[in-house]
Amino acid sequence: MLDFDFEVRTKVHFGKGKISVLPEEIKKYGRHIFFLYGGKSAKLTGAYDEVHRLCEENGIKITEFTGVEPNPRHTTVDEAVALLKKC
């Protein structure tokens, strides 16, 4: 096996209105996001529209992949990866 270092850092913004920091966080890494979601709940809660609005207002491009099921099948993951590689 090859030697390597692996670090997984997670930053969570939780609470009412915290979605407003999304553009600031995205811009730390670039101006293009890969937005994965299952489907109905993202749209029913308004999160889908809010993410799109914030990104549009801040010049952030979105590539989206929808239909991610709970415990995704490897075929779903493979499809998402193929789309991501095209970005």
N, C-alpha and C. Protein backbone atom coordinates (compact mmCIF):
# COMPACT_ATOMS: atom_id res chain seq x y z
N MET A 1 0.83 -1.18 0.00
CA MET A 1 0.00 0.00 0.00
C MET A 1 0.88 1.25 0.00
N LEU A 2 0.43 2.28 -0.69
CA LEU A 2 1.16 3.54 -0.72
C LEU A 2 0.93 4.31 0.57
N ASP A 3 1.96 5.04 0.99
CA ASP A 3 1.82 5.89 2.16
C ASP A 3 1.00 7.12 1.80
N PHE A 4 0.19 7.59 2.72
CA PHE A 4 -0.58 8.80 2.47
C PHE A 4 -1.06 9.40 3.79
N ASP A 5 -1.45 10.67 3.71
CA ASP A 5 -2.09 11.36 4.82
C ASP A 5 -3.52 11.64 4.39
N PHE A 6 -4.44 11.50 5.31
CA PHE A 6 -5.85 11.70 4.99
C PHE A 6 -6.48 12.54 6.10
N GLU A 7 -7.12 13.62 5.71
CA GLU A 7 -7.78 14.48 6.69
C GLU A 7 -9.18 14.81 6.18
N VAL A 8 -10.15 14.64 7.02
CA VAL A 8 -11.52 14.98 6.66
C VAL A 8 -12.02 16.01 7.65
N ARG A 9 -12.12 17.23 7.17
CA ARG A 9 -12.62 18.30 8.02
C ARG A 9 -14.05 18.60 7.61
N THR A 10 -14.89 18.80 8.57
CA THR A 10 -16.28 19.12 8.31
C THR A 10 -16.66 20.36 9.10
N LYS A 11 -17.24 21.31 8.39
CA LYS A 11 -17.72 22.51 9.04
C LYS A 11 -19.23 22.52 8.86
N VAL A 12 -19.96 22.66 9.95
CA VAL A 12 -21.41 22.63 9.90
C VAL A 12 -21.95 23.99 10.35
N HIS A 13 -22.78 24.59 9.51
CA HIS A 13 -23.50 25.81 9.86
C HIS A 13 -24.93 25.37 10.09
N PHE A 14 -25.39 25.46 11.31
CA PHE A 14 -26.71 24.94 11.65
C PHE A 14 -27.56 26.02 12.29
N GLY A 15 -28.79 26.14 11.82
CA GLY A 15 -29.72 27.07 12.44
C GLY A 15 -30.44 27.91 11.41
N LYS A 16 -31.43 28.63 11.88
CA LYS A 16 -32.25 29.47 11.02
C LYS A 16 -31.40 30.53 10.32
N GLY A 17 -31.52 30.59 9.01
CA GLY A 17 -30.81 31.59 8.23
C GLY A 17 -29.38 31.27 7.89
N LYS A 18 -28.87 30.16 8.38
CA LYS A 18 -27.46 29.82 8.15
C LYS A 18 -27.12 29.54 6.68
N ILE A 19 -28.14 29.26 5.88
CA ILE A 19 -27.88 29.01 4.46
C ILE A 19 -27.28 30.24 3.79
N SER A 20 -27.45 31.41 4.41
CA SER A 20 -26.93 32.65 3.82
C SER A 20 -25.41 32.67 3.73
N VAL A 21 -24.72 31.83 4.51
CA VAL A 21 -23.25 31.78 4.44
C VAL A 21 -22.76 30.88 3.31
N LEU A 22 -23.67 30.22 2.62
CA LEU A 22 -23.29 29.28 1.57
C LEU A 22 -22.38 29.90 0.50
N PRO A 23 -22.72 31.04 -0.10
CA PRO A 23 -21.84 31.60 -1.12
C PRO A 23 -20.43 31.88 -0.61
N GLU A 24 -20.32 32.42 0.59
CA GLU A 24 -19.02 32.72 1.19
C GLU A 24 -18.19 31.45 1.35
N GLU A 25 -18.83 30.37 1.78
CA GLU A 25 -18.12 29.11 1.95
C GLU A 25 -17.72 28.51 0.61
N ILE A 26 -18.61 28.57 -0.38
CA ILE A 26 -18.30 28.03 -1.70
C ILE A 26 -17.12 28.76 -2.32
N LYS A 27 -17.11 30.08 -2.22
CA LYS A 27 -16.07 30.88 -2.86
C LYS A 27 -14.67 30.61 -2.31
N LYS A 28 -14.57 29.99 -1.15
CA LYS A 28 -13.27 29.60 -0.61
C LYS A 28 -12.62 28.54 -1.48
N TYR A 29 -13.45 27.82 -2.27
CA TYR A 29 -12.96 26.69 -3.05
C TYR A 29 -13.14 26.87 -4.55
N GLY A 30 -13.84 27.89 -4.98
CA GLY A 30 -14.08 28.11 -6.40
C GLY A 30 -15.43 28.74 -6.63
N ARG A 31 -15.90 28.67 -7.86
CA ARG A 31 -17.18 29.28 -8.21
C ARG A 31 -18.06 28.31 -9.00
N HIS A 32 -17.97 27.05 -8.65
CA HIS A 32 -18.77 26.02 -9.32
C HIS A 32 -19.04 24.92 -8.30
N ILE A 33 -20.33 24.56 -8.16
CA ILE A 33 -20.66 23.48 -7.23
C ILE A 33 -21.33 22.33 -7.95
N PHE A 34 -21.19 21.17 -7.38
CA PHE A 34 -21.87 19.96 -7.83
C PHE A 34 -22.94 19.68 -6.79
N PHE A 35 -24.18 19.93 -7.14
CA PHE A 35 -25.31 19.88 -6.20
C PHE A 35 -26.03 18.56 -6.35
N LEU A 36 -25.89 17.69 -5.35
CA LEU A 36 -26.55 16.38 -5.36
C LEU A 36 -27.71 16.41 -4.38
N TYR A 37 -28.82 15.85 -4.79
CA TYR A 37 -29.96 15.77 -3.90
C TYR A 37 -30.88 14.64 -4.34
N GLY A 38 -31.77 14.26 -3.42
CA GLY A 38 -32.67 13.15 -3.69
C GLY A 38 -33.81 13.52 -4.61
N GLY A 39 -34.47 14.60 -4.33
CA GLY A 39 -35.58 14.99 -5.18
C GLY A 39 -36.59 15.86 -4.49
N LYS A 40 -37.64 15.26 -4.00
CA LYS A 40 -38.80 16.01 -3.51
C LYS A 40 -38.52 16.89 -2.31
N SER A 41 -37.84 16.37 -1.29
CA SER A 41 -37.71 17.14 -0.04
C SER A 41 -36.91 18.43 -0.25
N ALA A 42 -35.90 18.41 -1.09
CA ALA A 42 -35.12 19.62 -1.33
C ALA A 42 -36.00 20.72 -1.91
N LYS A 43 -36.91 20.34 -2.75
CA LYS A 43 -37.80 21.34 -3.36
C LYS A 43 -38.94 21.71 -2.42
N LEU A 44 -39.48 20.73 -1.71
CA LEU A 44 -40.59 21.01 -0.79
C LEU A 44 -40.19 21.94 0.35
N THR A 45 -38.97 21.82 0.83
CA THR A 45 -38.52 22.65 1.94
C THR A 45 -38.08 24.05 1.50
N GLY A 46 -37.89 24.23 0.21
CA GLY A 46 -37.42 25.51 -0.30
C GLY A 46 -35.91 25.59 -0.40
N ALA A 47 -35.21 24.57 0.07
CA ALA A 47 -33.75 24.59 0.05
C ALA A 47 -33.22 24.66 -1.38
N TYR A 48 -33.84 23.92 -2.28
CA TYR A 48 -33.41 23.91 -3.68
C TYR A 48 -33.44 25.31 -4.27
N ASP A 49 -34.56 25.99 -4.11
CA ASP A 49 -34.70 27.35 -4.66
C ASP A 49 -33.75 28.32 -4.00
N GLU A 50 -33.55 28.18 -2.69
CA GLU A 50 -32.66 29.09 -1.97
C GLU A 50 -31.22 28.91 -2.40
N VAL A 51 -30.77 27.68 -2.57
CA VAL A 51 -29.41 27.43 -3.04
C VAL A 51 -29.21 28.03 -4.43
N HIS A 52 -30.17 27.81 -5.31
CA HIS A 52 -30.07 28.36 -6.67
C HIS A 52 -30.06 29.89 -6.65
N ARG A 53 -30.90 30.50 -5.83
CA ARG A 53 -30.95 31.96 -5.75
C ARG A 53 -29.62 32.51 -5.25
N LEU A 54 -29.11 31.95 -4.17
CA LEU A 54 -27.85 32.43 -3.60
C LEU A 54 -26.69 32.27 -4.58
N CYS A 55 -26.66 31.14 -5.26
CA CYS A 55 -25.57 30.91 -6.21
C CYS A 55 -25.68 31.87 -7.40
N GLU A 56 -26.86 32.05 -7.91
CA GLU A 56 -27.05 32.96 -9.05
C GLU A 56 -26.64 34.39 -8.67
N GLU A 57 -27.05 34.86 -7.51
CA GLU A 57 -26.72 36.21 -7.05
C GLU A 57 -25.22 36.40 -6.85
N ASN A 58 -24.50 35.31 -6.65
CA ASN A 58 -23.06 35.40 -6.35
C ASN A 58 -22.17 34.85 -7.46
N GLY A 59 -22.75 34.64 -8.63
CA GLY A 59 -21.95 34.20 -9.78
C GLY A 59 -21.38 32.81 -9.62
N ILE A 60 -22.09 31.93 -8.96
CA ILE A 60 -21.62 30.56 -8.74
C ILE A 60 -22.40 29.63 -9.66
N LYS A 61 -21.68 28.87 -10.47
CA LYS A 61 -22.29 27.93 -11.40
C LYS A 61 -22.69 26.66 -10.65
N ILE A 62 -23.85 26.11 -11.05
CA ILE A 62 -24.33 24.87 -10.43
C ILE A 62 -24.45 23.78 -11.49
N THR A 63 -23.88 22.63 -11.21
CA THR A 63 -24.15 21.41 -11.95
C THR A 63 -24.87 20.51 -10.98
N GLU A 64 -26.05 20.03 -11.37
CA GLU A 64 -26.82 19.24 -10.41
C GLU A 64 -27.07 17.82 -10.87
N PHE A 65 -27.18 16.98 -9.86
CA PHE A 65 -27.50 15.56 -10.07
C PHE A 65 -28.61 15.22 -9.09
N THR A 66 -29.74 14.79 -9.60
CA THR A 66 -30.89 14.51 -8.76
C THR A 66 -31.24 13.03 -8.78
N GLY A 67 -32.09 12.64 -7.87
CA GLY A 67 -32.54 11.25 -7.83
C GLY A 67 -31.67 10.35 -6.98
N VAL A 68 -30.88 10.94 -6.09
CA VAL A 68 -30.03 10.12 -5.22
C VAL A 68 -30.92 9.48 -4.16
N GLU A 69 -30.99 8.18 -4.19
CA GLU A 69 -31.85 7.44 -3.27
C GLU A 69 -31.14 7.20 -1.94
N PRO A 70 -31.90 6.93 -0.87
CA PRO A 70 -31.26 6.56 0.39
C PRO A 70 -30.37 5.33 0.18
N ASN A 71 -29.21 5.32 0.78
CA ASN A 71 -28.25 4.23 0.57
C ASN A 71 -28.06 4.01 -0.94
N PRO A 72 -27.49 4.98 -1.63
CA PRO A 72 -27.41 4.93 -3.10
C PRO A 72 -26.75 3.66 -3.63
N ARG A 73 -27.30 3.19 -4.72
CA ARG A 73 -26.70 2.05 -5.43
C ARG A 73 -25.41 2.52 -6.09
N HIS A 74 -24.51 1.60 -6.33
CA HIS A 74 -23.24 1.97 -6.97
C HIS A 74 -23.48 2.53 -8.36
N THR A 75 -24.54 2.11 -9.01
CA THR A 75 -24.83 2.64 -10.35
C THR A 75 -25.19 4.13 -10.29
N THR A 76 -25.89 4.53 -9.23
CA THR A 76 -26.21 5.95 -9.05
C THR A 76 -24.93 6.75 -8.82
N VAL A 77 -24.08 6.23 -7.97
CA VAL A 77 -22.80 6.89 -7.69
C VAL A 77 -21.97 6.98 -8.97
N ASP A 78 -21.94 5.91 -9.73
CA ASP A 78 -21.19 5.92 -11.00
C ASP A 78 -21.72 6.98 -11.96
N GLU A 79 -23.04 7.13 -12.02
CA GLU A 79 -23.64 8.16 -12.88
C GLU A 79 -23.24 9.56 -12.42
N ALA A 80 -23.27 9.79 -11.12
CA ALA A 80 -22.90 11.08 -10.58
C ALA A 80 -21.43 11.38 -10.87
N VAL A 81 -20.57 10.42 -10.69
CA VAL A 81 -19.14 10.60 -10.96
C VAL A 81 -18.91 10.91 -12.44
N ALA A 82 -19.61 10.21 -13.31
CA ALA A 82 -19.46 10.47 -14.76
C ALA A 82 -19.85 11.91 -15.09
N LEU A 83 -20.94 12.39 -14.51
CA LEU A 83 -21.36 13.77 -14.74
C LEU A 83 -20.33 14.74 -14.17
N LEU A 84 -19.85 14.46 -12.99
CA LEU A 84 -18.87 15.32 -12.35
C LEU A 84 -17.60 15.43 -13.19
N LYS A 85 -17.17 14.35 -13.80
CA LYS A 85 -15.98 14.37 -14.64
C LYS A 85 -16.14 15.24 -15.86
N LYS A 86 -17.38 15.45 -16.31
CA LYS A 86 -17.65 16.29 -17.48
C LYS A 86 -17.61 17.78 -17.15
N CYS A 87 -17.69 18.11 -15.86
CA CYS A 87 -17.74 19.53 -15.45
C CYS A 87 -16.43 20.24 -15.68
